[in-house]
Structure formats: C-alpha cells, structure tokens
C-alpha cells in the first residue's frame, strides 16, 4: 500500500475515497487539521456488537478502513459491546433480538477481538469494553436518556417500520443508540466508522457528545458487502457469509459461488480495485478467490484450495485426503440416510431429500436407493453435495 498523504485535505480525501458518506461535509478534514496542529493522532472508533462471535468478509470492509487510519498514524479504538450486547443492536432488524447470557457475549467478544487481528495492526490499537463506563448509576443513566427524544428514535427506518406495523419495540432497544453514542463520549472519539445501516446511530453520537460538552465526531460510513447470494448483506444469520477463519478450501469454494453481478462489488470492497479486464467472470472469480484465500491463509494454502476446487467441483473427483466414517449393519443392508446423518451432522429427512435430488454420490455415481448392501458401501467414498466427502468403513 502506498504511503497515505500527510496534508489534512489530501488525507481526508484519501480516507473517504471509497466511503459512502463523510459527514458532516468537511468534518474529517477539520479533525485532521486540528489533530495535526495539536501534535496528536486522531482517535478513530468502531463499535462491535458482541452478539455474534465470528468476523466475516463483510466486517473486513470497515476493518480495512480502520487499518488505513492506522497506516496514516492514527489510533483505532475498538469498542467491544459487552454491555450494549446485552441489549442487541436493532439496526436493520424487523423484530427484537434474543438476549444472550453474559458468558456468551464475553466469549463472542474475545473471539471477535482475536479475529480482528487478521486485518488490524496491533500497533496504534486500543481494545475497550463499554461495560467499563455503561454500568452507571441510575441518575447518570437518566441524564444520558435526556440527550435524545422518542421522536428522534422513531425517525430510524427500522423503528418506524415496526411502529407502523404495530410490532413491539422495547424501551431497551430505544436506549441502544444513546448508549452507543455515550461510548464516543467515554473514549473521546474524533471519528466513528460503521456501515450505512449505522448512519443514524453514528450521527446520534454527535448529539450525545455535544450534550456532554465534547467535540463532535466526524462520521464515515462504508458500503455493505452483499453475501454469497449477491442480494442481502453478508450475515451469518442469513447463511450467506464467508468467515475470515473459514478453511481455505471453503473460502475459495464459496467465493466461486457468488453471482456474476456481485463480482465488481466484491473486487472493489474487498480488494480495492476493479476486476481484471479481458477475462470472463469465471476467471475473475478465480483470481478473487485466490487472493482472498491467500490474504487470510497464505499463498500455499490458496494454491492448495484452488487445486481442491478443481478436483472436487470441476472434475467431480474426491479430495486427496478423505476422512473415514464407520457404519454398522446386522442384516447386510445399510440405511444410507442414517449414514449421511452420522457422517455429516444433518437430519435424516435432509439426507433423504439430498438423495432424491441427486445430491448424493457413491464413488462418483449418483445414488438413488436409500437402502444399500453393506458390501457396496465398505471402502467407498460417499459424497453429499459438492464439497462433503467421507470414506466408509464397515465396523464389526
């Protein structure tokens, strides 16, 4: 990566070049100029809702922007929402989120913090938990609650839709954006980053800072990465995500499955450039998949993942290393859905559907029968879908 510009105007333009919004206009440049004059780095905040543990590629869009701030000499403050996680961020939600236990949130927060190290530098990084300051006396909470109105809260698109539909909105959820705003007060945030679905919360943080006599933060919003379906934003709950700790073969294979229409967006948001010219979508996906696998697992693992994909998906062959799974029989006949359920952790009904849809193969041949002679299974490679394989061994 080229060295970031040092002059405030040029650096502000460089940092905001692929953001959706830099709000208010000129605020980031003003913050950079003031910090330069004071001889200090900016304090750049990102809040993490710890109700889900793993970082996926969608999270890395904002994390990469934070890394650019670090590379420009600024300090990133990662706020682990161990306290706000007990509320649950309602952004983009059509209903109240389930409440997790404190132990679950703490475990998720530690996993998230560790995985963020795949993108962020350990230098110029602070990791804070908002439980440090949000476990406040009721009098302080009442003061904080006065910084916003219910009318303001109902301006949020997700709240207004739920209100019009007569769906419940808890008072606790209404407090979430205010609590997030107080995080900016507590750590003296100069800049806060988030996805476009966080715009309301980020701007409300400025109101909370002003109410406490603090300088108001600049806001930078980043695009939302569509998931592997190319439609909805990447989300583990939707099932269209690729985790940064996913095995390289899985990361490569899932990337190859994205629709052609999402290709340019993935290249732009994840690699910061346009797809290569003069090549078709398949080869552009291959290059994207290689780069992503190499980024998180190294060049050797990326090359191995590509070879695995070509062997299993393109040539429809079994992988070189196939785990073994045992099966037992008393009458010489084996019920295959039961074997699939044990081998791949799926239900028997799902296993039967896979067989009916032609998604189960035995030594490369489509399996149509649900009951098969044990001799036919012993030593054979059982395949479910494109990427799941086991070699079967009869147990005594």
Protein backbone atom coordinates (compact mmCIF):
# COMPACT_ATOMS: atom_id res chain seq x y z
CA UNK A 1 0.00 0.00 0.00
CA UNK A 2 1.29 3.46 -0.89
CA UNK A 3 2.06 5.87 1.93
CA UNK A 4 -1.03 7.89 2.90
CA UNK A 5 -0.97 11.64 2.16
CA UNK A 6 0.07 13.78 5.12
CA UNK A 7 -1.74 17.04 4.38
CA UNK A 8 -5.21 17.16 6.01
CA UNK A 9 -7.18 17.89 2.82
CA UNK A 10 -5.42 15.19 0.79
CA UNK A 11 -5.55 12.66 3.63
CA UNK A 12 -9.26 13.30 4.21
CA UNK A 13 -9.95 12.72 0.52
CA UNK A 14 -7.83 9.56 0.53
CA UNK A 15 -9.53 8.11 3.60
CA UNK A 16 -13.03 8.93 2.28
CA UNK A 17 -12.36 7.85 -1.32
CA UNK A 18 -14.38 4.61 -1.16
CA UNK A 19 -16.75 5.53 1.68
CA UNK A 20 -20.44 6.13 1.08
CA UNK A 21 -20.62 9.29 3.19
CA UNK A 22 -18.22 11.51 5.10
CA UNK A 23 -20.42 13.50 7.48
CA UNK A 24 -20.81 16.38 8.02
CA UNK A 25 -19.12 17.70 4.90
CA UNK A 26 -15.58 18.87 5.68
CA UNK A 27 -15.61 17.48 9.25
CA UNK A 28 -12.94 14.84 8.63
CA UNK A 29 -10.55 17.38 7.13
CA UNK A 30 -11.16 19.73 10.06
CA UNK A 31 -10.46 16.92 12.53
CA UNK A 32 -7.23 16.02 10.74
CA UNK A 33 -6.08 19.65 10.70
CA UNK A 34 -6.86 20.15 14.38
CA UNK A 35 -5.05 16.94 15.33
CA UNK A 36 -2.00 17.97 13.30
CA UNK A 37 -1.91 21.37 14.98
CA UNK A 38 -2.19 19.69 18.39
CA UNK A 39 0.54 17.19 17.53
CA UNK A 40 -1.60 14.14 18.23
CA UNK A 41 -3.24 11.32 16.27
CA UNK A 42 -6.97 11.02 15.74
CA UNK A 43 -8.92 8.58 17.89
CA UNK A 44 -11.00 6.51 15.47
CA UNK A 45 -13.78 4.39 16.90
CA UNK A 46 -15.57 1.26 15.79
CA UNK A 47 -18.23 -0.32 17.99
CA UNK A 48 -18.65 -4.09 17.91
CA UNK A 49 -21.93 -5.73 18.90
CA UNK A 50 -20.76 -8.95 20.52
CA UNK A 51 -23.98 -10.92 19.96
CA UNK A 52 -22.25 -12.92 17.18
CA UNK A 53 -18.73 -14.33 17.52
CA UNK A 54 -17.13 -14.59 14.11
CA UNK A 55 -15.82 -11.97 11.71
CA UNK A 56 -16.84 -12.48 8.11
CA UNK A 57 -15.68 -10.74 4.95
CA UNK A 58 -18.43 -8.13 5.33
CA UNK A 59 -16.87 -6.94 8.59
CA UNK A 60 -13.47 -6.58 6.93
CA UNK A 61 -14.73 -3.71 4.73
CA UNK A 62 -14.89 -1.43 7.78
CA UNK A 63 -11.86 -3.06 9.45
CA UNK A 64 -9.75 -2.38 6.36
CA UNK A 65 -10.73 1.29 6.51
CA UNK A 66 -9.65 1.32 10.16
CA UNK A 67 -6.32 -0.17 9.06
CA UNK A 68 -5.89 2.74 6.65
CA UNK A 69 -6.34 5.15 9.56
CA UNK A 70 -3.69 3.18 11.47
CA UNK A 71 -1.33 3.32 8.50
CA UNK A 72 -1.83 7.10 8.46
CA UNK A 73 -0.64 7.25 12.08
CA UNK A 74 -3.96 7.38 13.92
CA UNK A 75 -5.19 5.32 16.86
CA UNK A 76 -8.05 2.87 16.40
CA UNK A 77 -10.28 2.27 19.40
CA UNK A 78 -12.23 -0.96 19.06
CA UNK A 79 -15.21 -0.89 21.40
CA UNK A 80 -16.32 -4.38 22.35
CA UNK A 81 -20.00 -4.03 23.19
CA UNK A 82 -20.06 -6.38 26.15
CA UNK A 83 -22.65 -4.10 27.79
CA UNK A 84 -24.65 -2.94 24.76
CA UNK A 85 -24.56 -6.55 23.56
CA UNK A 86 -26.98 -7.33 26.33
CA UNK A 87 -29.39 -5.02 24.51
CA UNK A 88 -28.59 -6.08 20.94
CA UNK A 89 -28.20 -3.62 18.07
CA UNK A 90 -31.64 -3.28 16.40
CA UNK A 91 -30.22 -1.75 13.19
CA UNK A 92 -31.86 -3.35 10.18
CA UNK A 93 -33.91 -5.67 12.37
CA UNK A 94 -37.61 -6.23 11.93
CA UNK A 95 -38.07 -7.71 15.40
CA UNK A 96 -36.50 -7.75 18.83
CA UNK A 97 -33.26 -9.71 19.07
CA UNK A 98 -32.96 -12.59 21.54
CA UNK A 99 -30.94 -11.78 24.65
CA UNK A 100 -27.68 -13.67 25.18
CA UNK A 101 -26.13 -14.52 28.51
CA UNK A 102 -23.17 -12.56 29.81
CA UNK A 103 -20.93 -15.60 29.34
CA UNK A 104 -21.96 -15.96 25.69
CA UNK A 105 -21.32 -12.29 25.00
CA UNK A 106 -17.91 -12.38 26.70
CA UNK A 107 -16.92 -15.45 24.70
CA UNK A 108 -18.10 -13.88 21.43
CA UNK A 109 -16.28 -10.63 22.20
CA UNK A 110 -12.97 -12.41 22.76
CA UNK A 111 -13.36 -14.36 19.51
CA UNK A 112 -14.18 -11.17 17.60
CA UNK A 113 -11.21 -9.32 19.10
CA UNK A 114 -8.84 -12.12 18.18
CA UNK A 115 -10.13 -12.43 14.62
CA UNK A 116 -9.92 -8.66 14.05
CA UNK A 117 -6.15 -9.16 14.23
CA UNK A 118 -6.34 -10.65 10.74
CA UNK A 119 -6.87 -7.09 9.46
CA UNK A 120 -5.90 -4.58 12.14
CA UNK A 121 -2.36 -3.88 13.30
CA UNK A 122 -1.63 -4.46 16.98
CA UNK A 123 0.13 -1.09 16.97
CA UNK A 124 -1.96 2.06 17.45
CA UNK A 125 -4.84 -0.11 18.66
CA UNK A 126 -6.88 0.12 21.83
CA UNK A 127 -9.48 -2.50 22.72
CA UNK A 128 -12.03 -1.31 25.26
CA UNK A 129 -15.21 -2.82 26.71
CA UNK A 130 -18.11 -0.44 27.14
CA UNK A 131 -19.04 -2.19 30.35
CA UNK A 132 -16.22 -0.07 31.80
CA UNK A 133 -18.45 3.03 31.70
CA UNK A 134 -22.01 1.97 30.94
CA UNK A 135 -22.53 0.17 34.25
CA UNK A 136 -23.57 3.54 35.65
CA UNK A 137 -25.83 4.75 38.48
CA UNK A 138 -29.49 5.36 37.60
CA UNK A 139 -29.03 9.13 37.96
CA UNK A 140 -26.32 9.10 35.27
CA UNK A 141 -28.47 6.91 33.03
CA UNK A 142 -31.37 9.36 33.37
CA UNK A 143 -29.06 12.21 32.35
CA UNK A 144 -27.93 10.22 29.30
CA UNK A 145 -31.52 9.34 28.33
CA UNK A 146 -32.38 13.06 28.19
CA UNK A 147 -29.98 13.59 25.28
CA UNK A 148 -32.48 12.18 22.73
CA UNK A 149 -36.23 12.02 22.21
CA UNK A 150 -38.62 9.26 21.26
CA UNK A 151 -39.46 11.25 18.12
CA UNK A 152 -35.80 11.09 17.12
CA UNK A 153 -35.71 7.35 17.67
CA UNK A 154 -38.80 6.81 15.53
CA UNK A 155 -37.09 8.58 12.64
CA UNK A 156 -34.96 5.46 12.25
CA UNK A 157 -36.20 3.43 9.32
CA UNK A 158 -36.28 0.11 11.17
CA UNK A 159 -38.07 1.54 14.21
CA UNK A 160 -40.59 3.48 12.10
CA UNK A 161 -41.48 0.39 10.06
CA UNK A 162 -42.01 -1.69 13.18
CA UNK A 163 -44.04 1.09 14.81
CA UNK A 164 -46.31 1.44 11.76
CA UNK A 165 -46.73 -2.34 11.62
CA UNK A 166 -47.72 -2.48 15.28
CA UNK A 167 -44.71 -4.65 16.13
CA UNK A 168 -43.20 -4.34 19.62
CA UNK A 169 -40.20 -2.07 20.24
CA UNK A 170 -38.73 -2.37 23.71
CA UNK A 171 -37.57 0.68 25.67
CA UNK A 172 -34.24 -1.14 25.97
CA UNK A 173 -33.85 -1.11 22.19
CA UNK A 174 -34.59 2.62 22.10
CA UNK A 175 -31.71 3.11 24.52
CA UNK A 176 -29.20 1.27 22.31
CA UNK A 177 -28.23 4.20 20.02
CA UNK A 178 -27.87 6.50 23.05
CA UNK A 179 -25.63 4.01 24.84
CA UNK A 180 -23.54 3.65 21.68
CA UNK A 181 -23.31 7.43 21.49
CA UNK A 182 -22.00 7.59 25.06
CA UNK A 183 -19.15 5.27 24.03
CA UNK A 184 -17.90 8.20 21.91
CA UNK A 185 -18.03 10.45 24.96
CA UNK A 186 -16.13 7.97 27.13
CA UNK A 187 -13.22 7.42 24.72
CA UNK A 188 -13.08 10.96 23.22
CA UNK A 189 -13.78 9.76 19.69
CA UNK A 190 -12.70 12.07 16.86
CA UNK A 191 -14.10 9.83 14.11
CA UNK A 192 -16.53 6.92 14.14
CA UNK A 193 -16.88 4.34 11.38
CA UNK A 194 -19.72 1.99 10.53
CA UNK A 195 -21.79 0.51 7.74
CA UNK A 196 -24.52 2.50 6.04
CA UNK A 197 -27.05 0.78 8.29
CA UNK A 198 -25.38 2.55 11.23
CA UNK A 199 -25.72 6.13 9.93
CA UNK A 200 -28.45 7.10 12.41
CA UNK A 201 -26.51 5.75 15.39
CA UNK A 202 -23.26 7.42 14.32
CA UNK A 203 -24.87 10.82 13.87
CA UNK A 204 -26.73 10.50 17.16
CA UNK A 205 -23.34 10.03 18.77
CA UNK A 206 -22.56 13.62 17.80
CA UNK A 207 -25.66 14.79 19.68
CA UNK A 208 -24.63 12.87 22.78
CA UNK A 209 -21.09 14.27 22.62
CA UNK A 210 -22.45 17.81 22.30
CA UNK A 211 -24.75 17.28 25.31
CA UNK A 212 -21.69 16.35 27.38
CA UNK A 213 -19.61 19.30 26.15
CA UNK A 214 -17.35 17.17 23.94
CA UNK A 215 -16.18 17.98 20.39
CA UNK A 216 -18.45 16.21 17.90
CA UNK A 217 -17.02 13.29 15.95
CA UNK A 218 -16.76 13.05 12.19
CA UNK A 219 -18.64 10.12 10.69
CA UNK A 220 -17.52 7.82 7.89
CA UNK A 221 -19.94 5.19 6.57
CA UNK A 222 -18.81 2.25 4.48
CA UNK A 223 -20.75 0.19 1.91
CA UNK A 224 -22.35 -3.09 2.93
CA UNK A 225 -20.91 -6.17 1.25
CA UNK A 226 -23.56 -8.40 -0.33
CA UNK A 227 -23.33 -12.01 0.76
CA UNK A 228 -22.67 -15.05 -1.39
CA UNK A 229 -26.25 -14.82 -2.65
CA UNK A 230 -25.47 -11.40 -4.13
CA UNK A 231 -28.67 -9.94 -2.67
CA UNK A 232 -28.76 -9.49 1.10
CA UNK A 233 -25.88 -8.02 3.09
CA UNK A 234 -23.45 -10.64 4.32
CA UNK A 235 -24.71 -12.12 7.57
CA UNK A 236 -24.07 -15.30 9.49
CA UNK A 237 -27.75 -15.49 10.45
CA UNK A 238 -28.76 -15.38 6.77
CA UNK A 239 -26.19 -18.04 5.91
CA UNK A 240 -24.56 -16.09 3.07
CA UNK A 241 -21.28 -15.37 4.84
CA UNK A 242 -17.63 -16.33 4.49
CA UNK A 243 -15.74 -16.23 7.77
CA UNK A 244 -12.16 -14.98 7.93
CA UNK A 245 -11.23 -18.19 9.75
CA UNK A 246 -13.08 -20.49 7.36
CA UNK A 247 -10.78 -23.18 5.89
CA UNK A 248 -9.13 -22.00 2.66
CA UNK A 249 -10.96 -24.63 0.59
CA UNK A 250 -14.30 -23.40 1.91
CA UNK A 251 -13.36 -19.74 1.43
CA UNK A 252 -12.28 -20.42 -2.17
CA UNK A 253 -15.35 -22.53 -3.00
CA UNK A 254 -17.85 -20.07 -1.52
CA UNK A 255 -16.24 -17.17 -3.37
CA UNK A 256 -16.58 -19.09 -6.63
CA UNK A 257 -20.33 -19.40 -5.93
CA UNK A 258 -21.12 -15.68 -5.91
CA UNK A 259 -23.32 -14.38 -8.76
CA UNK A 260 -21.58 -12.64 -11.64
CA UNK A 261 -23.48 -9.46 -10.78
CA UNK A 262 -21.74 -9.21 -7.39
CA UNK A 263 -18.25 -9.64 -8.79
CA UNK A 264 -17.39 -5.95 -9.30
CA UNK A 265 -18.65 -5.04 -5.82
CA UNK A 266 -16.61 -7.80 -4.16
CA UNK A 267 -13.44 -6.76 -6.01
CA UNK A 268 -13.99 -3.12 -5.08
CA UNK A 269 -14.88 -3.58 -1.40
CA UNK A 270 -12.50 -6.43 -0.57
CA UNK A 271 -9.51 -5.73 -2.82
CA UNK A 272 -9.94 -2.03 -3.60
CA UNK A 273 -9.79 -2.41 -7.35
CA UNK A 274 -11.83 -3.35 -10.40
CA UNK A 275 -11.92 -6.92 -11.73
CA UNK A 276 -9.22 -7.67 -14.32
CA UNK A 277 -10.10 -6.65 -17.85
CA UNK A 278 -10.13 -9.06 -20.75
CA UNK A 279 -11.18 -12.09 -18.74
CA UNK A 280 -14.58 -13.68 -18.16
CA UNK A 281 -16.45 -13.83 -14.84
CA UNK A 282 -15.18 -17.34 -14.02
CA UNK A 283 -11.52 -16.34 -14.25
CA UNK A 284 -12.19 -13.09 -12.39
CA UNK A 285 -13.78 -15.13 -9.59
CA UNK A 286 -10.81 -17.47 -9.55
CA UNK A 287 -8.41 -14.58 -9.09
CA UNK A 288 -10.64 -13.09 -6.38
CA UNK A 289 -10.90 -16.44 -4.58
CA UNK A 290 -7.12 -16.95 -4.78
CA UNK A 291 -6.40 -13.51 -3.36
CA UNK A 292 -8.88 -13.84 -0.52
CA UNK A 293 -7.62 -17.29 0.47
CA UNK A 294 -4.02 -16.04 0.29
CA UNK A 295 -4.85 -12.95 2.33
CA UNK A 296 -6.11 -14.97 5.29
CA UNK A 297 -4.23 -18.26 4.89
CA UNK A 298 -1.13 -17.63 2.75
CA UNK A 299 -0.16 -18.32 -0.86
CA UNK A 300 0.50 -22.03 -0.39
CA UNK A 301 -2.91 -22.63 1.19
CA UNK A 302 -4.58 -20.61 -1.59
CA UNK A 303 -2.92 -22.74 -4.28
CA UNK A 304 -3.98 -25.90 -2.46
CA UNK A 305 -7.54 -24.59 -2.15
CA UNK A 306 -7.70 -23.94 -5.89
CA UNK A 307 -6.40 -27.44 -6.66
CA UNK A 308 -9.00 -28.86 -4.27
CA UNK A 309 -11.76 -26.91 -6.04
CA UNK A 310 -10.65 -28.11 -9.47
CA UNK A 311 -10.50 -31.71 -8.30
CA UNK A 312 -13.77 -31.81 -6.38
CA UNK A 313 -16.04 -29.30 -8.12
CA UNK A 314 -14.72 -29.11 -11.66
CA UNK A 315 -13.58 -32.72 -12.19
CA UNK A 316 -16.11 -34.21 -9.69
CA UNK A 317 -13.38 -36.26 -8.05
CA UNK A 318 -12.87 -36.96 -4.36
CA UNK A 319 -10.31 -34.89 -2.44
CA UNK A 320 -6.86 -36.36 -1.86
CA UNK A 321 -7.43 -36.63 1.89
CA UNK A 322 -10.85 -38.04 2.71
CA UNK A 323 -11.83 -38.61 6.35
CA UNK A 324 -13.21 -42.00 7.26
CA UNK A 325 -16.61 -42.75 8.76
CA UNK A 326 -17.81 -46.06 10.12
CA UNK A 327 -21.13 -47.82 9.66
CA UNK A 328 -22.66 -50.93 11.15
CA UNK A 329 -25.16 -53.46 9.86
CA UNK A 330 -26.87 -56.53 11.25
CA UNK A 331 -28.59 -57.88 8.15
CA UNK A 332 -26.17 -56.86 5.38
CA UNK A 333 -28.24 -53.82 4.36
CA UNK A 334 -27.45 -50.21 5.32
CA UNK A 335 -29.92 -47.32 5.52
CA UNK A 336 -27.96 -44.55 3.76
CA UNK A 337 -29.84 -41.56 5.29
CA UNK A 338 -28.69 -42.75 8.71
CA UNK A 339 -25.08 -42.93 7.48
CA UNK A 340 -25.32 -39.44 5.98
CA UNK A 341 -26.78 -38.07 9.20
CA UNK A 342 -23.95 -39.54 11.29
CA UNK A 343 -21.18 -38.60 8.85
CA UNK A 344 -22.19 -35.01 8.06
CA UNK A 345 -24.31 -33.92 11.02
CA UNK A 346 -27.53 -33.48 9.06
CA UNK A 347 -31.01 -34.80 9.75
CA UNK A 348 -32.24 -38.00 8.16
CA UNK A 349 -35.02 -36.11 6.40
CA UNK A 350 -32.45 -33.74 4.88
CA UNK A 351 -30.38 -36.76 3.86
CA UNK A 352 -33.38 -38.30 2.09
CA UNK A 353 -34.02 -35.02 0.25
CA UNK A 354 -30.40 -34.92 -0.90
CA UNK A 355 -30.70 -38.46 -2.28
CA UNK A 356 -33.99 -37.66 -4.03
CA UNK A 357 -32.44 -34.54 -5.60
CA UNK A 358 -29.42 -36.46 -6.90
CA UNK A 359 -27.07 -34.76 -4.46
CA UNK A 360 -25.53 -37.95 -3.04
CA UNK A 361 -22.85 -39.92 -4.85
CA UNK A 362 -21.09 -43.20 -4.13
CA UNK A 363 -17.66 -43.44 -5.77
CA UNK A 364 -18.73 -40.68 -8.15
CA UNK A 365 -22.04 -42.25 -9.21
CA UNK A 366 -25.40 -40.77 -8.23
CA UNK A 367 -27.07 -42.80 -5.51
CA UNK A 368 -30.80 -43.36 -5.91
CA UNK A 369 -31.51 -46.02 -3.29
CA UNK A 370 -31.89 -45.30 0.41
CA UNK A 371 -31.02 -48.89 1.39
CA UNK A 372 -27.76 -50.32 0.02
CA UNK A 373 -25.84 -53.56 0.52
CA UNK A 374 -23.03 -53.21 3.05
CA UNK A 375 -20.50 -54.71 0.61
CA UNK A 376 -21.16 -51.85 -1.82
CA UNK A 377 -20.50 -49.21 0.86
CA UNK A 378 -17.41 -50.68 2.52
CA UNK A 379 -14.37 -48.71 1.28
CA UNK A 380 -16.44 -46.47 -1.00
CA UNK A 381 -16.35 -42.65 -0.99
CA UNK A 382 -19.69 -41.14 -0.02
CA UNK A 383 -20.28 -37.60 -1.28
CA UNK A 384 -23.03 -35.22 -0.11
CA UNK A 385 -23.39 -32.09 -2.21
CA UNK A 386 -20.30 -30.70 -3.86
CA UNK A 387 -17.79 -30.50 -1.06
CA UNK A 388 -18.53 -33.09 1.65
CA UNK A 389 -16.82 -36.48 1.43
CA UNK A 390 -16.16 -39.47 3.67
CA UNK A 391 -14.68 -42.90 3.02
CA UNK A 392 -16.92 -45.55 4.56
CA UNK A 393 -15.59 -48.44 6.63
CA UNK A 394 -17.70 -51.30 7.92
CA UNK A 395 -17.49 -51.74 11.66
CA UNK A 396 -17.53 -55.16 13.26
